[in-house]
N, C-alpha and C. Protein backbone atom coordinates (compact mmCIF):
# COMPACT_ATOMS: atom_id res chain seq x y z
N MET A 1 118.96 106.79 132.74
CA MET A 1 117.94 105.98 132.11
C MET A 1 116.96 106.90 131.37
N GLU A 2 116.66 106.56 130.15
CA GLU A 2 115.79 107.38 129.30
C GLU A 2 114.33 107.14 129.64
N ASN A 3 113.58 108.21 129.72
CA ASN A 3 112.15 108.12 130.02
C ASN A 3 111.37 108.06 128.71
N LYS A 4 110.76 106.92 128.45
CA LYS A 4 109.94 106.76 127.25
C LYS A 4 108.49 106.63 127.68
N SER A 5 107.73 107.69 127.48
CA SER A 5 106.32 107.62 127.83
C SER A 5 105.58 106.85 126.74
N PRO A 6 104.60 106.02 127.11
CA PRO A 6 103.91 105.20 126.13
C PRO A 6 103.19 106.00 125.07
N GLU A 7 102.70 107.21 125.42
CA GLU A 7 101.97 107.97 124.42
C GLU A 7 102.89 108.56 123.36
N ASN A 8 104.17 108.74 123.63
CA ASN A 8 105.10 109.29 122.65
C ASN A 8 105.94 108.22 121.98
N HIS A 9 106.04 107.04 122.55
CA HIS A 9 106.83 105.98 121.95
C HIS A 9 106.09 105.42 120.75
N ASN A 10 106.72 105.50 119.59
CA ASN A 10 106.16 104.99 118.34
C ASN A 10 104.89 105.74 117.91
N LYS A 11 104.84 107.02 118.24
CA LYS A 11 103.68 107.85 117.91
C LYS A 11 103.62 108.10 116.41
N LEU A 12 102.45 107.90 115.81
CA LEU A 12 102.24 108.16 114.39
C LEU A 12 102.17 109.67 114.18
N ILE A 13 103.07 110.19 113.33
CA ILE A 13 103.14 111.62 113.06
C ILE A 13 102.45 111.97 111.74
N HIS A 14 102.80 111.25 110.67
CA HIS A 14 102.26 111.59 109.35
C HIS A 14 102.25 110.32 108.49
N ILE A 15 101.60 110.41 107.34
CA ILE A 15 101.49 109.25 106.44
C ILE A 15 101.88 109.67 105.03
N GLY A 16 102.66 108.80 104.40
CA GLY A 16 103.03 108.99 103.00
C GLY A 16 102.49 107.84 102.17
N LEU A 17 102.46 108.03 100.86
CA LEU A 17 101.98 106.99 99.94
C LEU A 17 103.00 106.82 98.83
N ILE A 18 103.22 105.57 98.43
CA ILE A 18 104.04 105.27 97.27
C ILE A 18 103.31 104.23 96.43
N TYR A 19 103.74 104.08 95.20
CA TYR A 19 103.13 103.11 94.29
C TYR A 19 104.22 102.21 93.74
N ARG A 20 104.01 100.90 93.88
CA ARG A 20 104.92 99.92 93.31
C ARG A 20 104.20 98.59 93.15
N ARG A 21 104.78 97.72 92.36
CA ARG A 21 104.19 96.41 92.14
C ARG A 21 104.49 95.49 93.30
N PRO A 22 103.72 94.50 93.58
CA PRO A 22 102.54 94.01 92.88
C PRO A 22 101.25 94.65 93.37
N LYS A 23 101.26 95.24 94.56
CA LYS A 23 100.02 95.72 95.18
C LYS A 23 99.54 97.04 94.62
N GLY A 24 100.45 97.88 94.23
CA GLY A 24 100.07 99.22 93.78
C GLY A 24 100.39 100.23 94.86
N ARG A 25 99.40 100.62 95.64
CA ARG A 25 99.58 101.64 96.68
C ARG A 25 100.07 101.03 97.98
N TYR A 26 101.13 101.60 98.52
CA TYR A 26 101.65 101.22 99.83
C TYR A 26 101.65 102.44 100.73
N LEU A 27 101.35 102.23 101.98
CA LEU A 27 101.38 103.32 102.95
C LEU A 27 102.74 103.37 103.63
N LEU A 28 103.18 104.58 103.94
CA LEU A 28 104.39 104.80 104.73
C LEU A 28 103.97 105.55 105.98
N PHE A 29 104.41 105.08 107.14
CA PHE A 29 104.04 105.70 108.41
C PHE A 29 105.27 106.37 109.00
N LEU A 30 105.18 107.66 109.23
CA LEU A 30 106.26 108.38 109.90
C LEU A 30 105.96 108.33 111.39
N ARG A 31 106.84 107.65 112.13
CA ARG A 31 106.63 107.47 113.57
C ARG A 31 107.77 108.10 114.36
N LYS A 32 107.41 108.63 115.50
CA LYS A 32 108.39 109.21 116.42
C LYS A 32 108.74 108.14 117.43
N ASN A 33 109.95 107.57 117.31
CA ASN A 33 110.37 106.50 118.21
C ASN A 33 110.90 107.03 119.53
N GLU A 34 111.63 108.10 119.47
CA GLU A 34 112.20 108.72 120.66
C GLU A 34 112.16 110.22 120.44
N ALA A 35 112.58 110.97 121.42
CA ALA A 35 112.68 112.41 121.24
C ALA A 35 113.67 112.69 120.11
N ASN A 36 113.26 113.49 119.14
CA ASN A 36 114.10 113.87 118.00
C ASN A 36 114.58 112.69 117.17
N HIS A 37 113.78 111.64 117.07
CA HIS A 37 114.14 110.51 116.20
C HIS A 37 112.87 110.01 115.51
N LEU A 38 112.75 110.33 114.22
CA LEU A 38 111.60 109.94 113.41
C LEU A 38 112.04 108.93 112.37
N VAL A 39 111.23 107.90 112.17
CA VAL A 39 111.55 106.83 111.23
C VAL A 39 110.33 106.54 110.37
N TRP A 40 110.57 106.32 109.07
CA TRP A 40 109.50 105.89 108.17
C TRP A 40 109.37 104.37 108.26
N TYR A 41 108.14 103.89 108.36
CA TYR A 41 107.82 102.46 108.34
C TYR A 41 107.00 102.19 107.09
N GLU A 42 107.26 101.08 106.43
CA GLU A 42 106.54 100.71 105.22
C GLU A 42 105.49 99.66 105.54
N GLU A 43 104.31 99.83 104.96
CA GLU A 43 103.23 98.87 105.12
C GLU A 43 103.63 97.55 104.47
N GLY A 44 103.46 96.45 105.19
CA GLY A 44 103.76 95.14 104.65
C GLY A 44 102.54 94.53 103.98
N ASP A 45 102.73 93.35 103.41
CA ASP A 45 101.64 92.68 102.71
C ASP A 45 100.56 92.16 103.65
N ASN A 46 100.91 91.91 104.92
CA ASN A 46 99.96 91.37 105.89
C ASN A 46 99.51 92.44 106.88
N ASN A 47 99.45 93.70 106.44
CA ASN A 47 99.06 94.83 107.29
C ASN A 47 100.02 95.06 108.46
N ASP A 48 101.23 94.54 108.35
CA ASP A 48 102.23 94.81 109.37
C ASP A 48 103.09 95.99 108.89
N GLU A 49 104.01 96.42 109.71
CA GLU A 49 104.89 97.54 109.36
C GLU A 49 106.34 97.10 109.46
N ARG A 50 107.12 97.50 108.43
CA ARG A 50 108.55 97.20 108.43
C ARG A 50 109.32 98.51 108.51
N GLU A 51 110.27 98.57 109.42
CA GLU A 51 111.08 99.78 109.57
C GLU A 51 111.99 99.94 108.36
N THR A 52 112.09 101.17 107.85
CA THR A 52 112.99 101.46 106.74
C THR A 52 114.26 102.10 107.30
N ASN A 53 115.20 102.35 106.43
CA ASN A 53 116.43 102.99 106.87
C ASN A 53 116.37 104.51 106.72
N VAL A 54 115.19 105.05 106.50
CA VAL A 54 115.01 106.49 106.36
C VAL A 54 114.60 107.06 107.71
N ALA A 55 115.51 107.81 108.33
CA ALA A 55 115.29 108.38 109.66
C ALA A 55 115.78 109.83 109.67
N ALA A 56 115.20 110.61 110.57
CA ALA A 56 115.57 112.03 110.65
C ALA A 56 115.31 112.53 112.06
N GLN A 57 115.75 113.76 112.30
CA GLN A 57 115.54 114.38 113.60
C GLN A 57 114.35 115.32 113.61
N THR A 58 113.96 115.83 112.43
CA THR A 58 112.81 116.73 112.36
C THR A 58 111.80 116.19 111.35
N ILE A 59 110.58 116.66 111.45
CA ILE A 59 109.53 116.23 110.54
C ILE A 59 109.84 116.69 109.12
N GLU A 60 110.27 117.93 108.98
CA GLU A 60 110.59 118.46 107.65
C GLU A 60 111.69 117.65 106.98
N GLU A 61 112.72 117.32 107.76
CA GLU A 61 113.82 116.53 107.22
C GLU A 61 113.35 115.13 106.83
N ALA A 62 112.50 114.53 107.64
CA ALA A 62 111.99 113.19 107.35
C ALA A 62 111.19 113.18 106.05
N ILE A 63 110.36 114.19 105.83
CA ILE A 63 109.57 114.26 104.60
C ILE A 63 110.48 114.49 103.40
N ARG A 64 111.47 115.36 103.55
CA ARG A 64 112.43 115.60 102.46
C ARG A 64 113.20 114.33 102.12
N LEU A 65 113.66 113.59 103.13
CA LEU A 65 114.38 112.34 102.88
C LEU A 65 113.46 111.28 102.27
N GLY A 66 112.19 111.27 102.67
CA GLY A 66 111.22 110.36 102.08
C GLY A 66 111.02 110.64 100.60
N ARG A 67 110.89 111.92 100.25
CA ARG A 67 110.75 112.29 98.84
C ARG A 67 111.96 111.86 98.03
N SER A 68 113.14 112.03 98.61
CA SER A 68 114.37 111.65 97.93
C SER A 68 114.47 110.13 97.78
N ARG A 69 114.15 109.40 98.83
CA ARG A 69 114.29 107.93 98.83
C ARG A 69 113.30 107.26 97.88
N TRP A 70 112.04 107.75 97.85
CA TRP A 70 110.99 107.10 97.05
C TRP A 70 110.56 107.95 95.86
N LYS A 71 111.46 108.75 95.32
CA LYS A 71 111.10 109.64 94.20
C LYS A 71 110.67 108.86 92.97
N ASN A 72 111.18 107.65 92.77
CA ASN A 72 110.79 106.84 91.61
C ASN A 72 109.51 106.05 91.86
N HIS A 73 108.92 106.22 93.02
CA HIS A 73 107.68 105.51 93.37
C HIS A 73 106.55 106.49 93.66
N ALA A 74 106.64 107.69 93.09
CA ALA A 74 105.59 108.71 93.20
C ALA A 74 105.23 109.02 94.66
N PHE A 75 106.23 109.22 95.48
CA PHE A 75 106.01 109.54 96.90
C PHE A 75 105.21 110.83 97.05
N ARG A 76 104.23 110.78 97.94
CA ARG A 76 103.49 111.98 98.32
C ARG A 76 102.99 111.78 99.75
N THR A 77 102.73 112.89 100.41
CA THR A 77 102.16 112.79 101.75
C THR A 77 100.65 112.98 101.66
N LEU A 78 99.97 112.49 102.64
CA LEU A 78 98.52 112.58 102.71
C LEU A 78 98.11 114.03 102.96
N THR A 79 97.04 114.46 102.32
CA THR A 79 96.53 115.82 102.51
C THR A 79 95.60 115.82 103.72
N CYS A 80 96.11 116.35 104.82
CA CYS A 80 95.39 116.29 106.09
C CYS A 80 94.74 117.62 106.48
N GLY A 81 94.58 118.51 105.53
CA GLY A 81 93.90 119.76 105.78
C GLY A 81 94.82 120.86 106.27
N PHE A 82 94.21 121.87 106.89
CA PHE A 82 94.94 123.03 107.37
C PHE A 82 94.69 123.20 108.86
N ARG A 83 95.77 123.50 109.60
CA ARG A 83 95.69 123.69 111.04
C ARG A 83 95.65 125.19 111.33
N TYR A 84 94.68 125.58 112.13
CA TYR A 84 94.52 126.97 112.54
C TYR A 84 94.71 127.06 114.05
N THR A 85 95.35 128.13 114.51
CA THR A 85 95.54 128.33 115.94
C THR A 85 94.42 129.21 116.48
N LEU A 86 94.08 128.99 117.74
CA LEU A 86 93.04 129.76 118.43
C LEU A 86 93.68 130.47 119.61
N PRO A 87 93.14 131.50 120.18
CA PRO A 87 91.79 132.01 119.99
C PRO A 87 91.66 132.87 118.75
N GLU A 88 92.74 133.47 118.30
CA GLU A 88 92.70 134.26 117.08
C GLU A 88 93.01 133.34 115.91
N ARG A 89 92.06 133.09 115.07
CA ARG A 89 92.28 132.20 113.93
C ARG A 89 93.18 132.90 112.92
N ASP A 90 94.31 132.27 112.63
CA ASP A 90 95.18 132.85 111.60
C ASP A 90 94.48 132.72 110.25
N GLU A 91 94.81 133.58 109.35
CA GLU A 91 94.05 133.72 108.12
C GLU A 91 94.21 132.54 107.16
N HIS A 92 95.42 132.00 107.03
CA HIS A 92 95.67 130.98 106.02
C HIS A 92 95.84 129.58 106.57
N GLY A 93 96.27 129.45 107.78
CA GLY A 93 96.51 128.14 108.36
C GLY A 93 97.80 127.53 107.82
N MET A 94 98.19 126.43 108.40
CA MET A 94 99.38 125.70 108.00
C MET A 94 98.95 124.29 107.60
N ASN A 95 99.73 123.65 106.74
CA ASN A 95 99.42 122.26 106.40
C ASN A 95 99.45 121.42 107.67
N ALA A 96 98.42 120.63 107.85
CA ALA A 96 98.31 119.80 109.05
C ALA A 96 98.99 118.45 108.83
N LEU A 97 99.53 117.91 109.89
CA LEU A 97 100.08 116.56 109.89
C LEU A 97 98.96 115.60 110.30
N PHE A 98 99.17 114.32 110.05
CA PHE A 98 98.13 113.33 110.32
C PHE A 98 97.71 113.32 111.79
N TYR A 99 98.68 113.38 112.72
CA TYR A 99 98.32 113.31 114.14
C TYR A 99 97.52 114.55 114.57
N GLN A 100 97.77 115.69 113.94
CA GLN A 100 97.01 116.91 114.25
C GLN A 100 95.58 116.79 113.73
N MET A 101 95.44 116.25 112.51
CA MET A 101 94.12 116.03 111.95
C MET A 101 93.34 115.04 112.83
N ALA A 102 94.01 113.98 113.25
CA ALA A 102 93.35 112.97 114.09
C ALA A 102 92.88 113.58 115.40
N ALA A 103 93.71 114.39 116.04
CA ALA A 103 93.33 115.01 117.31
C ALA A 103 92.12 115.92 117.12
N SER A 104 92.11 116.69 116.05
CA SER A 104 91.01 117.61 115.80
C SER A 104 89.73 116.87 115.44
N TYR A 105 89.81 115.92 114.53
CA TYR A 105 88.61 115.21 114.07
C TYR A 105 88.07 114.24 115.13
N ASN A 106 88.90 113.83 116.08
CA ASN A 106 88.43 112.93 117.14
C ASN A 106 87.91 113.68 118.36
N SER A 107 88.06 115.01 118.39
CA SER A 107 87.52 115.76 119.52
C SER A 107 86.05 116.11 119.25
N SER A 108 85.33 116.41 120.30
CA SER A 108 83.89 116.65 120.15
C SER A 108 83.57 117.93 119.37
N ASN A 109 84.41 118.95 119.50
CA ASN A 109 84.13 120.21 118.82
C ASN A 109 85.20 120.59 117.79
N GLY A 110 86.16 119.71 117.54
CA GLY A 110 87.20 119.96 116.56
C GLY A 110 88.41 120.69 117.12
N ILE A 111 88.34 121.15 118.37
CA ILE A 111 89.44 121.89 118.98
C ILE A 111 90.26 120.95 119.85
N TYR A 112 91.58 121.05 119.72
CA TYR A 112 92.49 120.25 120.54
C TYR A 112 93.65 121.14 120.97
N PHE A 113 94.33 120.75 122.05
CA PHE A 113 95.49 121.50 122.53
C PHE A 113 96.74 120.90 121.92
N ASP A 114 97.51 121.72 121.21
CA ASP A 114 98.76 121.27 120.59
C ASP A 114 99.89 121.56 121.57
N ASP A 115 100.51 120.49 122.10
CA ASP A 115 101.58 120.62 123.08
C ASP A 115 102.79 121.37 122.53
N GLU A 116 103.12 121.14 121.27
CA GLU A 116 104.29 121.77 120.68
C GLU A 116 104.11 123.27 120.51
N LEU A 117 102.90 123.70 120.13
CA LEU A 117 102.62 125.13 119.95
C LEU A 117 102.24 125.82 121.24
N GLY A 118 101.64 125.07 122.14
CA GLY A 118 101.14 125.66 123.37
C GLY A 118 99.85 126.43 123.18
N HIS A 119 99.09 126.11 122.13
CA HIS A 119 97.83 126.78 121.81
C HIS A 119 96.76 125.75 121.47
N ASN A 120 95.52 126.20 121.60
CA ASN A 120 94.42 125.41 121.06
C ASN A 120 94.44 125.55 119.55
N CYS A 121 94.09 124.49 118.85
CA CYS A 121 94.10 124.48 117.39
C CYS A 121 92.89 123.71 116.89
N PHE A 122 92.60 123.87 115.62
CA PHE A 122 91.65 122.99 114.96
C PHE A 122 92.08 122.82 113.51
N VAL A 123 91.62 121.73 112.92
CA VAL A 123 91.98 121.37 111.55
C VAL A 123 90.71 121.29 110.74
N GLN A 124 90.77 121.81 109.52
CA GLN A 124 89.63 121.67 108.61
C GLN A 124 90.15 121.41 107.21
N ALA A 125 89.27 120.96 106.35
CA ALA A 125 89.53 120.71 104.93
C ALA A 125 90.48 119.54 104.70
N ALA A 126 90.41 118.52 105.55
CA ALA A 126 91.19 117.30 105.31
C ALA A 126 90.55 116.55 104.14
N SER A 127 91.38 115.87 103.37
CA SER A 127 90.87 115.12 102.22
C SER A 127 90.02 113.94 102.68
N ILE A 128 89.14 113.51 101.81
CA ILE A 128 88.32 112.32 102.10
C ILE A 128 89.22 111.11 102.30
N GLU A 129 90.28 111.02 101.51
CA GLU A 129 91.24 109.93 101.64
C GLU A 129 91.84 109.90 103.06
N ALA A 130 92.21 111.06 103.59
CA ALA A 130 92.79 111.14 104.92
C ALA A 130 91.76 110.78 105.99
N ARG A 131 90.53 111.27 105.85
CA ARG A 131 89.49 110.96 106.84
C ARG A 131 89.13 109.48 106.83
N ASN A 132 89.06 108.87 105.64
CA ASN A 132 88.78 107.43 105.57
C ASN A 132 89.91 106.62 106.18
N LEU A 133 91.15 107.03 105.93
CA LEU A 133 92.30 106.33 106.51
C LEU A 133 92.32 106.48 108.03
N LEU A 134 91.91 107.63 108.54
CA LEU A 134 91.80 107.83 110.00
C LEU A 134 90.83 106.82 110.60
N LYS A 135 89.69 106.64 109.96
CA LYS A 135 88.71 105.66 110.45
C LYS A 135 89.28 104.25 110.42
N THR A 136 89.92 103.90 109.31
CA THR A 136 90.48 102.55 109.15
C THR A 136 91.56 102.28 110.19
N LEU A 137 92.49 103.22 110.35
CA LEU A 137 93.59 103.03 111.30
C LEU A 137 93.10 103.01 112.74
N SER A 138 92.04 103.79 113.03
CA SER A 138 91.46 103.78 114.37
C SER A 138 90.86 102.42 114.67
N LEU A 139 90.19 101.83 113.70
CA LEU A 139 89.60 100.50 113.90
C LEU A 139 90.67 99.43 114.07
N GLN A 140 91.79 99.59 113.36
CA GLN A 140 92.89 98.62 113.45
C GLN A 140 93.80 98.90 114.64
N LYS A 141 93.53 99.97 115.39
CA LYS A 141 94.32 100.37 116.56
C LYS A 141 95.77 100.64 116.20
N LYS A 142 96.01 101.27 115.04
CA LYS A 142 97.37 101.61 114.61
C LYS A 142 97.75 103.04 114.96
N ILE A 143 96.84 103.77 115.56
CA ILE A 143 97.14 105.16 115.90
C ILE A 143 97.51 105.23 117.36
C-alpha cells in the first residue's frame, strides 16, 4: 500500500502562464501528485483546475514539456526570485520555484529548511507578480 502524506499529495511546485482567448492569461499549476509524478493543471473559467495530459517525473522535464506543449501560447514560468543556501550564502543563487518562494516569504525571517537540499535556504528578488499571486492563492487556500 502506497503512503500518501497529505502535505505532499497534490503539492503545488511551480506556476506557469499562457495566453489564449477568450480570457487572455491562464495560470498553469505544476503539482506533485505522487513521488516522482508531476502534472500540469490548467486554470478553469470558474477558478477550478483541470488536469492536463502533460506529466513528468522531474521538475526540469515538466517545465520542458510545458514549453513544448504550450509554445504557441507564449508559455513562461513565474519569476520567483533566487534561492540561496545557508549558512554560507552562495554567490549567485539558483532560480527559485514557487513553493520555495512561498516557504521563504511565509516564514518570519525569510529562512526555511529545504527537505530536498537538507539545508536552510532563503529566497529574495521574487517578482511583484509572483508575490501578489502568493497572496491571492493563500487567500483561496490553493497552496
